[in-house]
Each structure stands twice: as structure tokens, then as C-alpha cells.
Amino acid sequence: MKKIILLNFVLCLISSMALADDIDINPIVVTGNREPQKLSNVMTSISVITKEDIDREQPQDIGTILQNEPGIEVVRSGGLGAQTSIFMRGAESHSVLVLVDGLPFSDQVNNTVQIENIPIGLIDKIEILRGNASALYGPGAAGGVIQIFTKNAAGIGPYESISYGSRNTQNYLFGYGGKFNDTTFNISLNRQQTDGFATLNPNQNYSDGKYGGNISNPANNTFYSNNLSANIVQIIRPGHEIGFKILASELNSTIDATNNMNGITGNFSPAGPNGGSAYAYDYLEKQNSKNILSQIYLKDAINNYWNSNITLGSSNTVTRTNWNSYDISEEPLSFFTTHQNNLSWVNDFLLTQNQTILLGLQTQQTKVYSSSAYFSEDPFNAERILNSVFSGYTGKFDAIGLQLNGRYD
């Protein structure tokens, strides 16, 4: 087994108070019932991956750190940037809802979650809710929910992280978090790249001498990405705040795609020596993906018993794939876009110290577009609007807990 040696050079400027902080083993989470509550009080199966966990394990992508969680299986089709599927408690990957700062993140054309497109360097915390959560989060959450929170390091000043590893793997992070009166802000820039490796081993090429065989591509699967996250929060008065968040990323990767036909020329690869089926050549795909998620929100403590949160957000995913045999051309093979607008109003009502009521309204507009030169398909456009009403009750009575949720879409 080849031993990978990773050298990390981490330069952090943090306050002396931050050095004295202890790790919180009972953090506040929101994914369990869409209300803030201590982890020890959550009645569903939920776990938290903290910033300290990410710093300690130094994963190169989200799939790497998720594969250590119980009940989760991670399946990859290659190295960094290759499609990564998440299966939770046996449910299909499209039944696992991925949220980024509360906004859904998915490719609605292919019904996949492109979790490989979320930069690990800009992640502050991950909450994992296992089991059917459709009564809380609607379609797509039958297997569970993975909610990802981007960096919110307001007030800590500058911070940096640089790492270098085998295969010329590099990861750079530069950011600044500050505070001015009642305004806090944070901005982070991240660059990640690797020379990668050949997903299919050329030494395992074969020919059966009659029906053809497999011809692997010796080229490495390269990857690089440029990423940005930023947020700003303005305290209007105690208990009332308005904020804005944005996450933008562009990723470029090369991946293997075995086929017996060139997607550009339409020509089949040569037949076997005795006229059998064609050889399956390993063509390379060059994939470019651009993602932007943004939102503005308003949090209000109406009184001591009523908290309101209004969020207006949008997510955009654009994926373009080019195809050629051994070198990369700019001929488009496929083009997919997903645009989602999301408006939600979530209200928490405190009945007693141990009992809360959740009431919420949500509307989500989804637009998709796709075109595929490989399948000679006409461009496809579709739009869907999903209106939802949801509610919940959470109560704690000594050693007995009760949680009820309902939703209408």
C-alpha cells in the first residue's frame, strides 16, 4: 500500500480567549426539529461534525469525513471532483436531502446531490439527521438530512491554512472575520487542486482475443477549484437581526467514462480480432461546475414566547461536460442547469420551558434545463413550484420525550 504523506502548514491568528475555549460536547443544533436545541435533548438520531473535527482529520472533501459516520455509505467514481453518492441507512442517494445554510443543494436534472462540489475548506459545521425526515423537510428527505453550515468566524480577525500532499495536492484558505459596532462579517477564499491519479489501471487492460476488451486511459484525473464564502449580520436591536450569506464555487475535473463510441464523432471503436463486439475505450470527460447559493434572512424575537425567521434564498448549479478520447477538446457533450428559489417563514412558540410548537410556510420554485449532444436530444426545460405548510410539537417530560411533525406539500 502506498503511504501518503501529508504536510500541513497551518498559520492561524486567533485571540487568547479562543485558545482557552473548551470544545463544546453538547452543542446547539437545529436540524433535529428545525428549532435550536441542545444535542442531548434531540430525540432523533443526529450527530455533529464540528470545525475541530474537520481541522483534526484534514479531509480533502466532504465525502471523506462523512464516510466515518455510522449509518452512512459513501460511493465514489474516482478521486477529487468525481461523482460522490451518499447512502444513509440503506436509502438511495437521491433520498438524502443536502442543505447548505438551510438551502437545498442538488442537480434536479439528474436527480443527484453533487456533494463533491461543496468545498470542505469553507465548512464550519455539519449536522447529520438519520432516518425519514420528510414530515419536516419534504420530498427528498426520506433517508435523512445532511445540513452543512459555511464559515461564520466573525470577530476572530485574519486566519489562514495551507496544506500540501502527494500528487501535488494543494489546499489554500485565507479569510478574515471582523466586527464593527453591531455589524459582524466574515469572508473566506479557498483554492484546492491536485494532479490526481488514473482511476483505471492501464496494467489491467485485457483482450479476450475474440470479442474485444477494455482499453484504459493512462491520463490522471486532475482537479482544481476556486471558492468563496461571505456573510454579514446586522443587529437591529437585541433579538432582531438581518443577515446575508453567499457561497460561490467553480470546479474543474477530468473523469473517466468507458464507452465503445466516441461521443463527438459518433464512430465506434475497432471491433475484436474475430469480428466480435467493439473494444470499450476509456474516454476522458472534462467537467466544469459553477455553483452559487445566496440568501437574505430576518430573525425576530417577537416576544419571550415567539421567535420568527424569514429566509429568501436561491441556489444555482451549472454543469458542463466535454468529451474526447485521450486529450480534452472543447466540444460540449452535455449541459445541465438547476435554479431554485426558496422562501420560508418558520415560527417557534415556547409553550413551557420544555414544550415548543413549530409552524412554518415554504414555497420553492425549481427550474431546470438540459441538453445532450451525445444522445442527440432536444433541449429540455421544466419548472415546478412546491408550496408547503409544516408544523411540529416537541415536549420533554422528565425521562420521556415526544416529537410530532406534520407537513403538507
Protein backbone atom coordinates (compact mmCIF):
# COMPACT_ATOMS: atom_id res chain seq x y z
CA MET A 1 0.00 0.00 0.00
CA LYS A 2 1.37 3.37 -0.94
CA LYS A 3 1.73 5.57 2.09
CA ILE A 4 0.53 9.09 1.54
CA ILE A 5 2.47 11.73 3.39
CA LEU A 6 0.57 14.91 4.03
CA LEU A 7 2.37 18.01 5.23
CA ASN A 8 0.24 20.67 6.79
CA PHE A 9 1.34 24.19 7.49
CA VAL A 10 -1.38 25.96 9.38
CA LEU A 11 -0.98 29.62 10.22
CA CYS A 12 -3.77 30.91 12.44
CA LEU A 13 -4.12 34.24 14.15
CA ILE A 14 -6.68 33.85 16.94
CA SER A 15 -7.34 35.62 20.19
CA SER A 16 -6.09 34.36 23.54
CA MET A 17 -9.69 33.88 24.59
CA ALA A 18 -10.25 31.43 21.73
CA LEU A 19 -7.24 29.44 22.90
CA ALA A 20 -8.84 28.99 26.31
CA ASP A 21 -12.20 27.83 24.96
CA ASP A 22 -13.10 24.22 25.61
CA ILE A 23 -14.64 22.01 22.96
CA ASP A 24 -18.42 22.01 23.38
CA ILE A 25 -19.56 18.38 23.69
CA ASN A 26 -23.21 19.41 23.86
CA PRO A 27 -23.61 21.99 21.08
CA ILE A 28 -26.77 23.70 19.88
CA VAL A 29 -28.24 22.01 16.77
CA VAL A 30 -31.19 22.97 14.57
CA THR A 31 -31.65 20.07 12.15
CA GLY A 32 -33.40 17.68 14.55
CA ASN A 33 -36.69 19.60 14.71
CA ARG A 34 -35.89 22.88 12.86
CA GLU A 35 -35.56 24.61 16.24
CA PRO A 36 -32.41 25.39 18.24
CA GLN A 37 -31.90 22.78 20.95
CA LYS A 38 -29.07 21.12 22.85
CA LEU A 39 -27.75 17.96 21.22
CA SER A 40 -28.52 15.98 24.38
CA ASN A 41 -32.20 16.96 24.08
CA VAL A 42 -32.63 15.84 20.45
CA MET A 43 -34.93 12.83 20.15
CA THR A 44 -34.00 11.88 16.60
CA SER A 45 -30.71 10.24 15.56
CA ILE A 46 -28.41 13.16 14.91
CA SER A 47 -24.66 13.75 15.05
CA VAL A 48 -22.45 16.78 14.56
CA ILE A 49 -19.14 17.18 12.76
CA THR A 50 -17.53 20.27 14.24
CA LYS A 51 -14.87 22.62 12.95
CA GLU A 52 -12.46 20.95 15.39
CA ASP A 53 -13.22 17.56 13.82
CA ILE A 54 -12.52 18.94 10.34
CA ASP A 55 -9.27 20.61 11.46
CA ARG A 56 -8.12 17.41 13.17
CA GLU A 57 -8.89 14.99 10.32
CA GLN A 58 -7.84 17.31 7.47
CA PRO A 59 -10.18 15.71 4.87
CA GLN A 60 -9.82 16.74 1.23
CA ASP A 61 -13.56 16.64 0.59
CA ILE A 62 -16.87 16.20 2.43
CA GLY A 63 -17.22 12.56 1.39
CA THR A 64 -14.02 11.68 3.26
CA ILE A 65 -15.28 12.91 6.61
CA LEU A 66 -18.83 11.61 6.11
CA GLN A 67 -17.64 8.05 5.47
CA ASN A 68 -16.56 7.80 9.11
CA GLU A 69 -20.12 8.42 10.34
CA PRO A 70 -22.31 5.45 11.36
CA GLY A 71 -25.19 4.63 9.03
CA ILE A 72 -23.59 6.37 6.05
CA GLU A 73 -22.03 4.76 2.99
CA VAL A 74 -20.00 6.85 0.55
CA VAL A 75 -19.52 5.66 -3.04
CA ARG A 76 -17.06 7.42 -5.36
CA SER A 77 -16.41 7.15 -9.07
CA GLY A 78 -12.85 8.46 -8.83
CA GLY A 79 -10.70 10.97 -6.98
CA LEU A 80 -11.36 14.58 -6.01
CA GLY A 81 -14.18 16.13 -8.04
CA ALA A 82 -15.61 12.80 -9.20
CA GLN A 83 -19.25 11.98 -8.52
CA THR A 84 -19.81 11.07 -4.88
CA SER A 85 -23.03 9.38 -3.76
CA ILE A 86 -24.22 9.31 -0.14
CA PHE A 87 -26.40 6.42 1.06
CA MET A 88 -27.92 6.71 4.51
CA ARG A 89 -29.39 3.71 6.35
CA GLY A 90 -29.83 1.89 3.06
CA ALA A 91 -31.78 4.69 1.35
CA GLU A 92 -30.88 5.75 -2.18
CA SER A 93 -28.65 8.81 -2.50
CA HIS A 94 -31.46 10.88 -4.05
CA SER A 95 -33.45 10.27 -0.84
CA VAL A 96 -30.84 12.10 1.26
CA LEU A 97 -31.51 15.85 1.39
CA VAL A 98 -28.43 18.07 1.45
CA LEU A 99 -28.87 21.62 2.74
CA VAL A 100 -26.24 24.36 2.66
CA ASP A 101 -27.07 27.02 5.25
CA GLY A 102 -30.66 25.82 5.03
CA LEU A 103 -30.92 25.92 1.21
CA PRO A 104 -31.39 22.72 -0.83
CA PHE A 105 -28.38 21.80 -2.97
CA SER A 106 -28.96 19.27 -5.76
CA ASP A 107 -28.94 18.61 -9.50
CA GLN A 108 -32.62 18.23 -10.30
CA VAL A 109 -31.91 17.21 -13.91
CA ASN A 110 -30.04 14.03 -12.96
CA ASN A 111 -31.70 13.69 -9.53
CA THR A 112 -28.31 13.66 -7.81
CA VAL A 113 -26.69 15.52 -4.93
CA GLN A 114 -23.39 16.96 -6.09
CA ILE A 115 -21.82 16.93 -2.65
CA GLU A 116 -18.38 16.79 -4.27
CA ASN A 117 -18.98 20.39 -5.40
CA ILE A 118 -19.13 21.78 -1.85
CA PRO A 119 -15.63 22.93 -0.77
CA ILE A 120 -14.58 21.38 2.54
CA GLY A 121 -12.30 24.35 3.27
CA LEU A 122 -15.29 26.67 3.72
CA ILE A 123 -17.28 24.41 6.05
CA ASP A 124 -17.78 25.31 9.71
CA LYS A 125 -20.07 22.50 10.86
CA ILE A 126 -22.12 19.56 9.53
CA GLU A 127 -25.28 18.19 11.16
CA ILE A 128 -26.48 14.71 10.16
CA LEU A 129 -30.09 13.63 10.75
CA ARG A 130 -30.66 9.91 10.10
CA GLY A 131 -33.99 8.41 9.14
CA ASN A 132 -37.13 9.66 7.44
CA ALA A 133 -37.44 13.43 7.87
CA SER A 134 -39.99 14.15 5.11
CA ALA A 135 -42.54 15.45 7.65
CA LEU A 136 -40.04 18.20 8.47
CA TYR A 137 -38.19 18.81 5.22
CA GLY A 138 -40.46 17.49 2.49
CA PRO A 139 -39.60 15.45 -0.62
CA GLY A 140 -36.07 14.12 -0.85
CA ALA A 141 -35.58 13.59 2.89
CA ALA A 142 -36.87 10.02 3.20
CA GLY A 143 -33.38 8.74 4.00
CA GLY A 144 -32.22 11.63 6.12
CA VAL A 145 -30.77 15.14 6.04
CA ILE A 146 -27.21 16.45 5.85
CA GLN A 147 -27.09 20.15 6.72
CA ILE A 148 -23.84 21.98 6.01
CA PHE A 149 -23.00 25.32 7.60
CA THR A 150 -20.42 27.58 5.97
CA LYS A 151 -17.81 29.56 7.89
CA ASN A 152 -19.05 32.17 10.31
CA ALA A 153 -15.87 33.24 12.04
CA ALA A 154 -16.93 36.82 12.74
CA GLY A 155 -14.71 38.76 15.10
CA ILE A 156 -11.63 36.50 15.12
CA GLY A 157 -9.50 38.55 12.71
CA PRO A 158 -7.41 37.01 9.92
CA TYR A 159 -6.96 33.27 9.53
CA GLU A 160 -5.04 31.15 7.04
CA SER A 161 -4.44 27.50 6.25
CA ILE A 162 -2.06 25.95 3.73
CA SER A 163 -1.60 22.23 3.09
CA TYR A 164 0.41 20.20 0.59
CA GLY A 165 0.39 16.47 -0.08
CA SER A 166 1.20 13.73 -2.54
CA ARG A 167 0.19 14.01 -6.20
CA ASN A 168 0.77 17.77 -5.91
CA THR A 169 -2.36 18.12 -3.79
CA GLN A 170 -2.68 21.69 -2.52
CA ASN A 171 -5.26 23.49 -0.41
CA TYR A 172 -5.15 27.20 0.44
CA LEU A 173 -7.55 29.09 2.71
CA PHE A 174 -7.44 32.80 3.54
CA GLY A 175 -10.11 34.64 5.45
CA TYR A 176 -11.00 37.50 7.74
CA GLY A 177 -13.73 37.85 10.33
CA GLY A 178 -14.46 41.19 11.93
CA LYS A 179 -16.91 43.23 13.94
CA PHE A 180 -17.81 46.90 13.80
CA ASN A 181 -20.32 48.08 16.37
CA ASP A 182 -23.43 45.92 15.77
CA THR A 183 -22.19 44.57 12.43
CA THR A 184 -20.25 41.33 12.11
CA PHE A 185 -18.84 39.88 8.90
CA ASN A 186 -16.68 37.11 7.50
CA ILE A 187 -15.12 36.41 4.12
CA SER A 188 -13.17 33.30 3.07
CA LEU A 189 -11.26 32.45 -0.12
CA ASN A 190 -10.23 28.88 -0.94
CA ARG A 191 -8.21 27.22 -3.70
CA GLN A 192 -7.83 23.44 -4.00
CA GLN A 193 -6.05 21.40 -6.67
CA THR A 194 -4.45 18.03 -7.34
CA ASP A 195 -2.75 16.22 -10.21
CA GLY A 196 -4.84 13.20 -9.26
CA PHE A 197 -4.32 9.66 -10.44
CA ALA A 198 -5.51 7.31 -13.18
CA THR A 199 -8.80 5.87 -11.96
CA LEU A 200 -8.47 2.80 -14.18
CA ASN A 201 -5.18 0.90 -14.12
CA PRO A 202 -3.61 0.60 -17.62
CA ASN A 203 -1.89 -2.59 -16.44
CA GLN A 204 -5.32 -4.20 -16.25
CA ASN A 205 -6.13 -3.75 -19.95
CA TYR A 206 -7.33 -7.01 -21.45
CA SER A 207 -8.45 -8.57 -24.68
CA ASP A 208 -10.12 -11.95 -24.88
CA GLY A 209 -8.76 -12.40 -28.44
CA LYS A 210 -12.24 -12.75 -29.87
CA TYR A 211 -14.76 -10.21 -28.64
CA GLY A 212 -12.56 -7.24 -27.91
CA GLY A 213 -11.76 -5.93 -24.42
CA ASN A 214 -11.09 -2.86 -22.27
CA ILE A 215 -8.56 -0.17 -23.12
CA SER A 216 -7.84 2.03 -20.09
CA ASN A 217 -6.77 5.65 -20.27
CA PRO A 218 -3.41 6.28 -18.56
CA ALA A 219 -4.09 10.00 -18.03
CA ASN A 220 -4.54 11.26 -14.47
CA ASN A 221 -7.87 12.60 -13.25
CA THR A 222 -6.94 16.19 -12.39
CA PHE A 223 -9.00 18.57 -10.27
CA TYR A 224 -8.95 22.21 -9.19
CA SER A 225 -11.48 24.58 -7.66
CA ASN A 226 -11.82 28.23 -6.64
CA ASN A 227 -14.28 29.04 -3.87
CA LEU A 228 -15.68 32.00 -1.94
CA SER A 229 -17.95 32.34 1.07
CA ALA A 230 -19.07 35.54 2.80
CA ASN A 231 -21.65 36.64 5.31
CA ILE A 232 -22.65 39.80 7.09
CA VAL A 233 -25.02 40.23 10.05
CA GLN A 234 -26.52 43.47 11.32
CA ILE A 235 -28.05 43.56 14.80
CA ILE A 236 -31.03 45.91 14.57
CA ARG A 237 -31.72 45.68 18.28
CA PRO A 238 -31.46 42.86 20.81
CA GLY A 239 -33.35 39.85 19.48
CA HIS A 240 -33.64 41.27 15.96
CA GLU A 241 -31.08 40.79 13.19
CA ILE A 242 -30.80 40.78 9.42
CA GLY A 243 -28.13 38.86 7.52
CA PHE A 244 -26.80 37.93 4.10
CA LYS A 245 -24.81 34.83 3.07
CA ILE A 246 -23.24 33.70 -0.18
CA LEU A 247 -21.26 30.64 -1.27
CA ALA A 248 -19.74 30.55 -4.77
CA SER A 249 -17.57 27.85 -6.29
CA GLU A 250 -16.15 26.79 -9.64
CA LEU A 251 -14.77 23.28 -10.04
CA ASN A 252 -12.95 21.64 -12.94
CA SER A 253 -12.18 17.94 -13.11
CA THR A 254 -11.38 15.17 -15.57
CA ILE A 255 -13.15 11.85 -15.11
CA ASP A 256 -13.13 8.50 -16.92
CA ALA A 257 -16.10 7.39 -19.00
CA THR A 258 -15.76 3.96 -20.55
CA ASN A 259 -17.68 3.51 -23.80
CA ASN A 260 -17.28 1.92 -27.19
CA MET A 261 -18.30 5.04 -29.11
CA ASN A 262 -16.68 8.45 -29.40
CA GLY A 263 -19.26 10.98 -28.22
CA ILE A 264 -18.07 13.61 -30.74
CA THR A 265 -17.51 11.67 -33.96
CA GLY A 266 -20.14 9.00 -33.36
CA ASN A 267 -17.65 6.36 -34.53
CA PHE A 268 -17.42 3.06 -32.72
CA SER A 269 -14.05 1.77 -31.57
CA PRO A 270 -12.49 -1.09 -33.56
CA ALA A 271 -14.11 -4.50 -33.41
CA GLY A 272 -12.43 -7.51 -31.88
CA PRO A 273 -9.89 -9.55 -33.85
CA ASN A 274 -12.54 -12.02 -34.99
CA GLY A 275 -15.27 -9.51 -35.74
CA GLY A 276 -16.79 -9.52 -32.28
CA SER A 277 -18.05 -6.56 -30.25
CA ALA A 278 -16.09 -3.33 -30.11
CA TYR A 279 -13.40 -2.57 -27.62
CA ALA A 280 -14.53 -0.44 -24.67
CA TYR A 281 -12.18 2.51 -24.73
CA ASP A 282 -11.75 4.73 -21.67
CA TYR A 283 -12.59 8.23 -22.86
CA LEU A 284 -11.96 11.27 -20.69
CA GLU A 285 -14.60 13.79 -19.73
CA LYS A 286 -13.76 17.32 -18.68
CA GLN A 287 -16.37 18.61 -16.27
CA ASN A 288 -16.91 22.22 -15.24
CA SER A 289 -19.36 23.09 -12.50
CA LYS A 290 -20.35 26.54 -11.23
CA ASN A 291 -22.44 26.92 -8.07
CA ILE A 292 -23.84 29.99 -6.32
CA LEU A 293 -26.00 29.89 -3.20
CA SER A 294 -27.18 33.14 -1.63
CA GLN A 295 -29.75 34.17 0.93
CA ILE A 296 -31.03 37.06 2.99
CA TYR A 297 -32.76 36.40 6.28
CA LEU A 298 -34.53 38.24 9.09
CA LYS A 299 -34.63 36.87 12.62
CA ASP A 300 -37.03 38.41 15.12
CA ALA A 301 -37.79 37.63 18.73
CA ILE A 302 -41.36 38.93 18.67
CA ASN A 303 -41.68 38.40 22.42
CA ASN A 304 -40.43 35.99 25.06
CA TYR A 305 -42.53 33.17 23.59
CA TRP A 306 -42.38 33.71 19.81
CA ASN A 307 -39.33 33.62 17.50
CA SER A 308 -39.71 34.26 13.77
CA ASN A 309 -37.27 33.57 10.93
CA ILE A 310 -37.92 34.67 7.33
CA THR A 311 -35.45 33.50 4.65
CA LEU A 312 -35.31 34.29 0.94
CA GLY A 313 -32.65 32.32 -0.90
CA SER A 314 -31.60 30.97 -4.27
CA SER A 315 -29.26 28.24 -5.47
CA ASN A 316 -27.83 27.86 -8.97
CA THR A 317 -25.91 24.90 -10.34
CA VAL A 318 -24.47 24.79 -13.86
CA THR A 319 -22.62 21.70 -15.08
CA ARG A 320 -20.94 21.37 -18.48
CA THR A 321 -19.21 18.21 -19.71
CA ASN A 322 -16.81 17.95 -22.67
CA TRP A 323 -15.64 14.69 -24.20
CA ASN A 324 -12.67 13.47 -26.19
CA SER A 325 -10.66 10.30 -26.41
CA TYR A 326 -7.26 11.00 -24.84
CA ASP A 327 -6.91 14.75 -24.99
CA ILE A 328 -9.54 17.24 -23.92
CA SER A 329 -11.42 19.25 -26.54
CA GLU A 330 -14.00 21.98 -26.00
CA GLU A 331 -16.79 20.13 -27.76
CA PRO A 332 -19.82 20.14 -25.44
CA LEU A 333 -21.24 16.75 -24.59
CA SER A 334 -23.86 17.82 -22.06
CA PHE A 335 -25.09 20.91 -20.27
CA PHE A 336 -27.29 20.92 -17.15
CA THR A 337 -28.62 23.77 -15.02
CA THR A 338 -30.74 23.84 -11.87
CA HIS A 339 -32.11 27.08 -10.43
CA GLN A 340 -34.07 27.08 -7.17
CA ASN A 341 -35.75 29.97 -5.37
CA ASN A 342 -36.79 29.37 -1.79
CA LEU A 343 -38.93 31.48 0.56
CA SER A 344 -39.67 30.24 4.07
CA TRP A 345 -41.23 31.59 7.25
CA VAL A 346 -40.51 29.49 10.33
CA ASN A 347 -42.01 30.29 13.75
CA ASP A 348 -41.10 28.81 17.14
CA PHE A 349 -43.54 29.15 20.03
CA LEU A 350 -42.48 28.41 23.59
CA LEU A 351 -45.41 26.89 25.47
CA THR A 352 -43.49 26.00 28.62
CA GLN A 353 -39.84 25.60 29.48
CA ASN A 354 -39.92 22.08 27.99
CA GLN A 355 -42.59 22.36 25.28
CA THR A 356 -42.41 24.12 21.90
CA ILE A 357 -44.61 24.44 18.82
CA LEU A 358 -43.24 24.81 15.27
CA LEU A 359 -45.28 26.43 12.48
CA GLY A 360 -43.90 27.15 9.03
CA LEU A 361 -44.72 28.11 5.45
CA GLN A 362 -42.45 27.47 2.48
CA THR A 363 -42.57 27.93 -1.27
CA GLN A 364 -39.90 26.61 -3.63
CA GLN A 365 -39.59 27.27 -7.35
CA THR A 366 -37.35 24.93 -9.35
CA LYS A 367 -36.28 25.50 -12.96
CA VAL A 368 -34.13 23.03 -14.90
CA TYR A 369 -32.54 22.99 -18.34
CA SER A 370 -30.57 20.25 -20.06
CA SER A 371 -29.09 19.46 -23.44
CA SER A 372 -27.10 16.42 -24.52
CA ALA A 373 -25.15 16.20 -27.77
CA TYR A 374 -24.21 12.59 -27.01
CA PHE A 375 -27.82 11.39 -27.05
CA SER A 376 -28.82 13.90 -29.77
CA GLU A 377 -31.59 15.18 -27.53
CA ASP A 378 -33.55 18.37 -27.96
CA PRO A 379 -33.03 20.86 -25.12
CA PHE A 380 -35.28 20.20 -22.15
CA ASN A 381 -36.90 22.84 -19.94
CA ALA A 382 -39.10 22.26 -16.91
CA GLU A 383 -40.41 24.22 -13.95
CA ARG A 384 -42.06 23.20 -10.68
CA ILE A 385 -43.49 25.19 -7.79
CA LEU A 386 -43.85 23.45 -4.43
CA ASN A 387 -45.90 25.12 -1.69
CA SER A 388 -45.68 23.64 1.80
CA VAL A 389 -47.17 24.00 5.27
CA PHE A 390 -45.49 22.21 8.18
CA SER A 391 -45.83 22.06 11.93
CA GLY A 392 -44.36 20.26 14.90
CA TYR A 393 -44.54 19.72 18.61
CA THR A 394 -41.61 18.93 20.89
CA GLY A 395 -42.04 18.12 24.57
CA LYS A 396 -39.79 16.79 27.32
CA PHE A 397 -41.29 15.25 30.46
CA ASP A 398 -38.55 14.06 32.81
CA ALA A 399 -37.09 10.99 31.06
CA ILE A 400 -39.82 10.90 28.39
CA GLY A 401 -39.59 12.90 25.17
CA LEU A 402 -42.23 13.43 22.49
CA GLN A 403 -41.84 14.87 19.00
CA LEU A 404 -44.67 15.10 16.44
CA ASN A 405 -44.36 16.57 12.95
CA GLY A 406 -46.69 17.01 10.01
CA ARG A 407 -46.32 18.53 6.55
CA TYR A 408 -48.49 19.17 3.52
CA ASP A 409 -46.88 19.77 0.10
